Amino acid sequence: MDHFQMIKEISDGRLYGSKDIVRADAGGCMDCSRCCEDMCDTISLDPFDIYSLCKGLGKDYDSLMKEGYIVTGLHNLVSMPHINDRGSGCGFLDEKKRCSVHKFRPGICRLFPLGRYYHDDTVSYILQTYGCTKEERAEVRVCDWLEISDIDAYEEYILKWHDVVKKISDFMKEPAEPGVKPKIHESFLRHFYEQPYDFSKEFYPQIYDRIREWIEKQPLQNRSMRLK
């Protein structure tokens, strides 16, 4: 079974672009926070998520870790942070079970009930059929649902970040000398997450600089680890 055939089993079978209309709007999710309570470790965070959360909350990465909002774990064999499910759901839910970080929520949260599908150096979106429990959903343009100011710049970044993570994941599947893989995990977390971002500057130039700097220092550079 190919990858898209598997995608069809969890979606409506269509691929959507950022300007397409999709029936995803749950009307503010009133009286419902189920997707925020049954998340387990599924909300992995990319650097833009960390940049947005830290800037929005006025905290740094270490504070988010120490206060238990995020934890690290393996995502496709790559060590990265994800939202901490404290046993009762996301720690960013307030006393009314509403999202307290909605304006700067992570990308996976913005997507739901959509998902991403990567193919031929492009990113498309799928509508998950077993996601949101709200049966009556309104039509909305994908880019409006995501609420990201510059969707084209964001998608360009997401594709490059996906390429980075995929190639690290592929490297982790291969044999390596003892100690190499732990060092890569440590370097990856420190370089892309723990090291603070400058909130007075745009995110995208910063992340592209970091990707280039990190790749130059890794053994992955000898395994076709290149930005597209």
C-alpha atoms as a PDB file:
ATOM      1  CA  MET A   1       0.000   0.000   0.000  1.00  0.00           C
ATOM      2  CA  ASP A   2       1.469   3.380  -0.991  1.00  0.00           C
ATOM      3  CA  HIS A   3       1.578   6.366   1.340  1.00  0.00           C
ATOM      4  CA  PHE A   4      -1.316   8.237  -0.259  1.00  0.00           C
ATOM      5  CA  GLN A   5      -3.490   5.119  -0.138  1.00  0.00           C
ATOM      6  CA  MET A   6      -2.924   5.065   3.621  1.00  0.00           C
ATOM      7  CA  ILE A   7      -3.778   8.764   3.771  1.00  0.00           C
ATOM      8  CA  LYS A   8      -7.088   8.025   2.037  1.00  0.00           C
ATOM      9  CA  GLU A   9      -8.020   5.709   4.885  1.00  0.00           C
ATOM     10  CA  ILE A  10      -7.888   8.526   7.433  1.00  0.00           C
ATOM     11  CA  SER A  11      -9.130  11.390   5.273  1.00  0.00           C
ATOM     12  CA  ASP A  12     -11.794  12.318   2.735  1.00  0.00           C
ATOM     13  CA  GLY A  13      -9.359  11.266   0.004  1.00  0.00           C
ATOM     14  CA  ARG A  14      -8.642  14.766  -1.280  1.00  0.00           C
ATOM     15  CA  LEU A  15      -5.549  16.943  -1.246  1.00  0.00           C
ATOM     16  CA  TYR A  16      -6.105  20.635  -0.532  1.00  0.00           C
ATOM     17  CA  GLY A  17      -3.946  23.681  -1.235  1.00  0.00           C
ATOM     18  CA  SER A  18      -3.722  26.657   1.099  1.00  0.00           C
ATOM     19  CA  LYS A  19      -6.265  28.616  -0.986  1.00  0.00           C
ATOM     20  CA  ASP A  20      -8.794  25.763  -1.210  1.00  0.00           C
ATOM     21  CA  ILE A  21     -12.069  25.575   0.695  1.00  0.00           C
ATOM     22  CA  VAL A  22     -12.455  22.750   3.209  1.00  0.00           C
ATOM     23  CA  ARG A  23     -15.160  21.823   5.693  1.00  0.00           C
ATOM     24  CA  ALA A  24     -13.056  22.207   8.843  1.00  0.00           C
ATOM     25  CA  ASP A  25     -14.490  25.120  10.839  1.00  0.00           C
ATOM     26  CA  ALA A  26     -15.932  23.823  14.117  1.00  0.00           C
ATOM     27  CA  GLY A  27     -17.407  27.196  15.033  1.00  0.00           C
ATOM     28  CA  GLY A  28     -15.005  28.071  17.810  1.00  0.00           C
ATOM     29  CA  CYS A  29     -15.124  24.570  19.346  1.00  0.00           C
ATOM     30  CA  MET A  30     -17.652  25.794  21.896  1.00  0.00           C
ATOM     31  CA  ASP A  31     -18.130  23.422  24.861  1.00  0.00           C
ATOM     32  CA  CYS A  32     -15.552  21.032  23.417  1.00  0.00           C
ATOM     33  CA  SER A  33     -11.836  20.540  24.129  1.00  0.00           C
ATOM     34  CA  ARG A  34     -11.575  16.838  23.453  1.00  0.00           C
ATOM     35  CA  CYS A  35      -8.715  17.137  20.962  1.00  0.00           C
ATOM     36  CA  CYS A  36      -6.714  19.026  23.620  1.00  0.00           C
ATOM     37  CA  GLU A  37      -7.386  16.382  26.262  1.00  0.00           C
ATOM     38  CA  ASP A  38      -6.682  13.212  24.258  1.00  0.00           C
ATOM     39  CA  MET A  39      -3.449  14.396  22.633  1.00  0.00           C
ATOM     40  CA  CYS A  40      -0.879  12.180  24.423  1.00  0.00           C
ATOM     41  CA  ASP A  41       2.482  13.056  22.791  1.00  0.00           C
ATOM     42  CA  THR A  42       1.155  13.886  19.329  1.00  0.00           C
ATOM     43  CA  ILE A  43       1.758  17.663  19.345  1.00  0.00           C
ATOM     44  CA  SER A  44       5.405  17.804  18.306  1.00  0.00           C
ATOM     45  CA  LEU A  45       6.863  21.303  18.110  1.00  0.00           C
ATOM     46  CA  ASP A  46       8.986  22.772  15.354  1.00  0.00           C
ATOM     47  CA  PRO A  47      11.226  25.823  15.888  1.00  0.00           C
ATOM     48  CA  PHE A  48       8.524  28.255  14.712  1.00  0.00           C
ATOM     49  CA  ASP A  49       6.210  26.842  17.386  1.00  0.00           C
ATOM     50  CA  ILE A  50       8.849  27.422  20.058  1.00  0.00           C
ATOM     51  CA  TYR A  51       9.602  30.913  18.746  1.00  0.00           C
ATOM     52  CA  SER A  52       5.890  31.793  18.827  1.00  0.00           C
ATOM     53  CA  LEU A  53       5.205  30.276  22.259  1.00  0.00           C
ATOM     54  CA  CYS A  54       8.235  31.873  23.887  1.00  0.00           C
ATOM     55  CA  LYS A  55       7.529  35.270  22.331  1.00  0.00           C
ATOM     56  CA  GLY A  56       3.824  35.127  23.175  1.00  0.00           C
ATOM     57  CA  LEU A  57       4.310  33.958  26.755  1.00  0.00           C
ATOM     58  CA  GLY A  58       7.419  36.005  27.516  1.00  0.00           C
ATOM     59  CA  LYS A  59       9.258  32.829  28.518  1.00  0.00           C
ATOM     60  CA  ASP A  60      12.309  30.982  27.270  1.00  0.00           C
ATOM     61  CA  TYR A  61      12.628  27.341  26.274  1.00  0.00           C
ATOM     62  CA  ASP A  62      14.119  26.297  29.629  1.00  0.00           C
ATOM     63  CA  SER A  63      11.173  27.852  31.477  1.00  0.00           C
ATOM     64  CA  LEU A  64       8.651  25.953  29.351  1.00  0.00           C
ATOM     65  CA  MET A  65      10.543  22.752  30.168  1.00  0.00           C
ATOM     66  CA  LYS A  66      10.912  23.419  33.906  1.00  0.00           C
ATOM     67  CA  GLU A  67       7.267  24.424  34.256  1.00  0.00           C
ATOM     68  CA  GLY A  68       6.193  21.208  32.557  1.00  0.00           C
ATOM     69  CA  TYR A  69       4.492  22.670  29.507  1.00  0.00           C
ATOM     70  CA  ILE A  70       6.753  20.794  27.114  1.00  0.00           C
ATOM     71  CA  VAL A  71       8.889  17.645  27.257  1.00  0.00           C
ATOM     72  CA  THR A  72      11.289  16.036  24.807  1.00  0.00           C
ATOM     73  CA  GLY A  73      10.773  12.731  23.061  1.00  0.00           C
ATOM     74  CA  LEU A  74      11.422  10.942  19.789  1.00  0.00           C
ATOM     75  CA  HIS A  75       9.470  12.006  16.726  1.00  0.00           C
ATOM     76  CA  ASN A  76      10.333   9.864  13.705  1.00  0.00           C
ATOM     77  CA  LEU A  77      13.545   8.885  15.534  1.00  0.00           C
ATOM     78  CA  VAL A  78      14.480  12.557  16.028  1.00  0.00           C
ATOM     79  CA  SER A  79      14.621  14.077  19.492  1.00  0.00           C
ATOM     80  CA  MET A  80      12.395  17.148  19.701  1.00  0.00           C
ATOM     81  CA  PRO A  81       9.962  18.772  22.138  1.00  0.00           C
ATOM     82  CA  HIS A  82       6.220  18.192  22.258  1.00  0.00           C
ATOM     83  CA  ILE A  83       3.351  19.525  24.331  1.00  0.00           C
ATOM     84  CA  ASN A  84       3.214  17.734  27.670  1.00  0.00           C
ATOM     85  CA  ASP A  85       0.032  15.763  28.261  1.00  0.00           C
ATOM     86  CA  ARG A  86      -0.168  16.042  32.029  1.00  0.00           C
ATOM     87  CA  GLY A  87      -2.657  13.220  32.296  1.00  0.00           C
ATOM     88  CA  SER A  88      -5.577  15.613  31.998  1.00  0.00           C
ATOM     89  CA  GLY A  89      -4.665  17.119  28.668  1.00  0.00           C
ATOM     90  CA  CYS A  90      -2.666  20.103  27.439  1.00  0.00           C
ATOM     91  CA  GLY A  91      -1.223  22.310  30.172  1.00  0.00           C
ATOM     92  CA  PHE A  92      -2.200  25.392  28.192  1.00  0.00           C
ATOM     93  CA  LEU A  93      -5.908  24.746  28.767  1.00  0.00           C
ATOM     94  CA  ASP A  94      -7.362  27.232  31.245  1.00  0.00           C
ATOM     95  CA  GLU A  95      -9.919  26.508  33.980  1.00  0.00           C
ATOM     96  CA  LYS A  96     -12.715  26.711  31.415  1.00  0.00           C
ATOM     97  CA  LYS A  97     -10.955  24.188  29.165  1.00  0.00           C
ATOM     98  CA  ARG A  98     -10.168  26.895  26.614  1.00  0.00           C
ATOM     99  CA  CYS A  99      -6.780  27.379  24.942  1.00  0.00           C
ATOM    100  CA  SER A 100      -4.800  30.080  26.735  1.00  0.00           C
ATOM    101  CA  VAL A 101      -2.256  30.340  23.901  1.00  0.00           C
ATOM    102  CA  HIS A 102      -4.668  30.347  20.986  1.00  0.00           C
ATOM    103  CA  LYS A 103      -3.132  33.403  19.286  1.00  0.00           C
ATOM    104  CA  PHE A 104       0.273  31.712  19.133  1.00  0.00           C
ATOM    105  CA  ARG A 105      -0.711  28.043  19.270  1.00  0.00           C
ATOM    106  CA  PRO A 106       1.496  25.378  17.621  1.00  0.00           C
ATOM    107  CA  GLY A 107       1.159  24.464  13.963  1.00  0.00           C
ATOM    108  CA  ILE A 108      -0.391  21.041  14.569  1.00  0.00           C
ATOM    109  CA  CYS A 109      -3.075  22.687  16.726  1.00  0.00           C
ATOM    110  CA  ARG A 110      -3.740  25.223  13.967  1.00  0.00           C
ATOM    111  CA  LEU A 111      -4.145  22.426  11.449  1.00  0.00           C
ATOM    112  CA  PHE A 112      -6.607  20.198  13.286  1.00  0.00           C
ATOM    113  CA  PRO A 113      -8.755  18.569  11.924  1.00  0.00           C
ATOM    114  CA  LEU A 114      -6.486  19.000   8.908  1.00  0.00           C
ATOM    115  CA  GLY A 115      -3.149  17.278   8.442  1.00  0.00           C
ATOM    116  CA  ARG A 116      -0.163  17.832   6.175  1.00  0.00           C
ATOM    117  CA  TYR A 117       0.821  15.684   3.214  1.00  0.00           C
ATOM    118  CA  TYR A 118       4.307  16.100   1.709  1.00  0.00           C
ATOM    119  CA  HIS A 119       4.927  15.080  -1.893  1.00  0.00           C
ATOM    120  CA  ASP A 120       7.128  16.212  -4.802  1.00  0.00           C
ATOM    121  CA  ASP A 121       8.681  19.058  -2.780  1.00  0.00           C
ATOM    122  CA  THR A 122       5.262  20.520  -1.990  1.00  0.00           C
ATOM    123  CA  VAL A 123       2.972  20.461   1.007  1.00  0.00           C
ATOM    124  CA  SER A 124      -0.765  19.815   0.740  1.00  0.00           C
ATOM    125  CA  TYR A 125      -3.465  19.368   3.344  1.00  0.00           C
ATOM    126  CA  ILE A 126      -5.844  16.536   4.126  1.00  0.00           C
ATOM    127  CA  LEU A 127      -9.120  16.569   6.047  1.00  0.00           C
ATOM    128  CA  GLN A 128      -8.936  13.869   8.703  1.00  0.00           C
ATOM    129  CA  THR A 129     -12.202  11.964   8.999  1.00  0.00           C
ATOM    130  CA  TYR A 130     -11.587  10.562  12.468  1.00  0.00           C
ATOM    131  CA  GLY A 131     -10.384  13.742  14.112  1.00  0.00           C
ATOM    132  CA  CYS A 132     -12.828  16.386  15.235  1.00  0.00           C
ATOM    133  CA  THR A 133     -15.979  15.082  16.933  1.00  0.00           C
ATOM    134  CA  LYS A 134     -17.999  18.102  15.787  1.00  0.00           C
ATOM    135  CA  GLU A 135     -20.189  16.726  13.021  1.00  0.00           C
ATOM    136  CA  GLU A 136     -21.491  20.091  11.791  1.00  0.00           C
ATOM    137  CA  ARG A 137     -18.499  22.004  10.426  1.00  0.00           C
ATOM    138  CA  ALA A 138     -18.534  25.028   8.140  1.00  0.00           C
ATOM    139  CA  GLU A 139     -16.485  25.647   5.026  1.00  0.00           C
ATOM    140  CA  VAL A 140     -13.345  27.735   5.383  1.00  0.00           C
ATOM    141  CA  ARG A 141     -10.322  28.517   3.257  1.00  0.00           C
ATOM    142  CA  VAL A 142      -7.299  26.545   4.453  1.00  0.00           C
ATOM    143  CA  CYS A 143      -5.074  29.620   4.867  1.00  0.00           C
ATOM    144  CA  ASP A 144      -7.795  31.368   6.884  1.00  0.00           C
ATOM    145  CA  TRP A 145      -8.193  28.321   9.103  1.00  0.00           C
ATOM    146  CA  LEU A 146      -4.464  28.260   9.837  1.00  0.00           C
ATOM    147  CA  GLU A 147      -4.436  31.974  10.719  1.00  0.00           C
ATOM    148  CA  ILE A 148      -0.815  32.450   9.654  1.00  0.00           C
ATOM    149  CA  SER A 149      -0.032  35.893   8.269  1.00  0.00           C
ATOM    150  CA  ASP A 150       2.294  34.876   5.417  1.00  0.00           C
ATOM    151  CA  ILE A 151       1.225  31.393   4.376  1.00  0.00           C
ATOM    152  CA  ASP A 152       3.662  31.213   1.438  1.00  0.00           C
ATOM    153  CA  ALA A 153       6.686  31.968   3.641  1.00  0.00           C
ATOM    154  CA  TYR A 154       5.405  29.557   6.270  1.00  0.00           C
ATOM    155  CA  GLU A 155       4.954  26.718   3.783  1.00  0.00           C
ATOM    156  CA  GLU A 156       8.444  27.316   2.375  1.00  0.00           C
ATOM    157  CA  TYR A 157       9.822  27.008   5.899  1.00  0.00           C
ATOM    158  CA  ILE A 158       7.715  23.918   6.700  1.00  0.00           C
ATOM    159  CA  LEU A 159       9.034  22.155   3.596  1.00  0.00           C
ATOM    160  CA  LYS A 160      12.653  22.907   4.472  1.00  0.00           C
ATOM    161  CA  TRP A 161      12.154  21.883   8.075  1.00  0.00           C
ATOM    162  CA  HIS A 162      10.441  18.664   6.977  1.00  0.00           C
ATOM    163  CA  ASP A 163      13.430  17.937   4.733  1.00  0.00           C
ATOM    164  CA  VAL A 164      15.832  18.459   7.643  1.00  0.00           C
ATOM    165  CA  VAL A 165      13.890  16.180   9.986  1.00  0.00           C
ATOM    166  CA  LYS A 166      13.392  13.497   7.332  1.00  0.00           C
ATOM    167  CA  LYS A 167      17.079  13.292   6.510  1.00  0.00           C
ATOM    168  CA  ILE A 168      18.054  13.129  10.171  1.00  0.00           C
ATOM    169  CA  SER A 169      15.464  10.404  10.637  1.00  0.00           C
ATOM    170  CA  ASP A 170      16.910   8.484   7.698  1.00  0.00           C
ATOM    171  CA  PHE A 171      20.394   8.865   9.170  1.00  0.00           C
ATOM    172  CA  MET A 172      19.179   7.524  12.522  1.00  0.00           C
ATOM    173  CA  LYS A 173      18.037   4.322  10.813  1.00  0.00           C
ATOM    174  CA  GLU A 174      21.557   3.605   9.594  1.00  0.00           C
ATOM    175  CA  PRO A 175      24.456   2.055  11.568  1.00  0.00           C
ATOM    176  CA  ALA A 176      26.753   4.590  13.187  1.00  0.00           C
ATOM    177  CA  GLU A 177      29.747   4.623  15.496  1.00  0.00           C
ATOM    178  CA  PRO A 178      28.940   4.608  19.243  1.00  0.00           C
ATOM    179  CA  GLY A 179      28.106   8.054  20.579  1.00  0.00           C
ATOM    180  CA  VAL A 180      27.400   9.682  17.212  1.00  0.00           C
ATOM    181  CA  LYS A 181      23.598   9.563  17.365  1.00  0.00           C
ATOM    182  CA  PRO A 182      23.292  10.882  20.950  1.00  0.00           C
ATOM    183  CA  LYS A 183      25.551  13.784  20.011  1.00  0.00           C
ATOM    184  CA  ILE A 184      23.353  14.588  17.027  1.00  0.00           C
ATOM    185  CA  HIS A 185      20.226  14.570  19.220  1.00  0.00           C
ATOM    186  CA  GLU A 186      21.926  16.868  21.729  1.00  0.00           C
ATOM    187  CA  SER A 187      23.244  19.227  19.063  1.00  0.00           C
ATOM    188  CA  PHE A 188      19.869  19.317  17.294  1.00  0.00           C
ATOM    189  CA  LEU A 189      17.944  20.295  20.440  1.00  0.00           C
ATOM    190  CA  ARG A 190      20.503  22.852  21.545  1.00  0.00           C
ATOM    191  CA  HIS A 191      20.884  24.521  18.151  1.00  0.00           C
ATOM    192  CA  PHE A 192      17.224  24.705  17.089  1.00  0.00           C
ATOM    193  CA  TYR A 193      15.330  24.881  20.381  1.00  0.00           C
ATOM    194  CA  GLU A 194      17.367  25.699  23.484  1.00  0.00           C
ATOM    195  CA  GLN A 195      19.341  28.566  21.942  1.00  0.00           C
ATOM    196  CA  PRO A 196      17.077  31.649  22.234  1.00  0.00           C
ATOM    197  CA  TYR A 197      15.706  33.377  19.156  1.00  0.00           C
ATOM    198  CA  ASP A 198      15.760  37.139  18.729  1.00  0.00           C
ATOM    199  CA  PHE A 199      12.120  38.251  18.950  1.00  0.00           C
ATOM    200  CA  SER A 200      12.952  41.677  17.559  1.00  0.00           C
ATOM    201  CA  LYS A 201      13.812  40.014  14.240  1.00  0.00           C
ATOM    202  CA  GLU A 202      11.822  37.916  11.793  1.00  0.00           C
ATOM    203  CA  PHE A 203      11.896  34.186  12.398  1.00  0.00           C
ATOM    204  CA  TYR A 204      12.579  32.823   8.916  1.00  0.00           C
ATOM    205  CA  PRO A 205      16.039  34.356   8.294  1.00  0.00           C
ATOM    206  CA  GLN A 206      17.081  33.120  11.742  1.00  0.00           C
ATOM    207  CA  ILE A 207      16.002  29.527  11.164  1.00  0.00           C
ATOM    208  CA  TYR A 208      17.584  29.349   7.716  1.00  0.00           C
ATOM    209  CA  ASP A 209      20.882  30.591   9.164  1.00  0.00           C
ATOM    210  CA  ARG A 210      20.662  27.966  11.895  1.00  0.00           C
ATOM    211  CA  ILE A 211      19.922  25.164   9.444  1.00  0.00           C
ATOM    212  CA  ARG A 212      22.942  26.043   7.331  1.00  0.00           C
ATOM    213  CA  GLU A 213      25.222  26.412  10.362  1.00  0.00           C
ATOM    214  CA  TRP A 214      24.116  23.124  11.892  1.00  0.00           C
ATOM    215  CA  ILE A 215      24.387  21.078   8.714  1.00  0.00           C
ATOM    216  CA  GLU A 216      27.949  22.291   8.137  1.00  0.00           C
ATOM    217  CA  LYS A 217      28.979  20.881  11.526  1.00  0.00           C
ATOM    218  CA  GLN A 218      27.329  17.468  11.249  1.00  0.00           C
ATOM    219  CA  PRO A 219      28.463  14.163   9.725  1.00  0.00           C
ATOM    220  CA  LEU A 220      25.143  14.325   7.884  1.00  0.00           C
ATOM    221  CA  GLN A 221      26.690  16.758   5.432  1.00  0.00           C
ATOM    222  CA  ASN A 222      28.351  13.787   3.786  1.00  0.00           C
ATOM    223  CA  ARG A 223      25.000  12.083   3.286  1.00  0.00           C
ATOM    224  CA  SER A 224      23.296  14.578   0.957  1.00  0.00           C
ATOM    225  CA  MET A 225      21.995  16.698   3.845  1.00  0.00           C
ATOM    226  CA  ARG A 226      21.310  19.828   1.846  1.00  0.00           C
ATOM    227  CA  LEU A 227      18.675  22.531   1.793  1.00  0.00           C
ATOM    228  CA  LYS A 228      16.409  22.395  -1.224  1.00  0.00           C
END
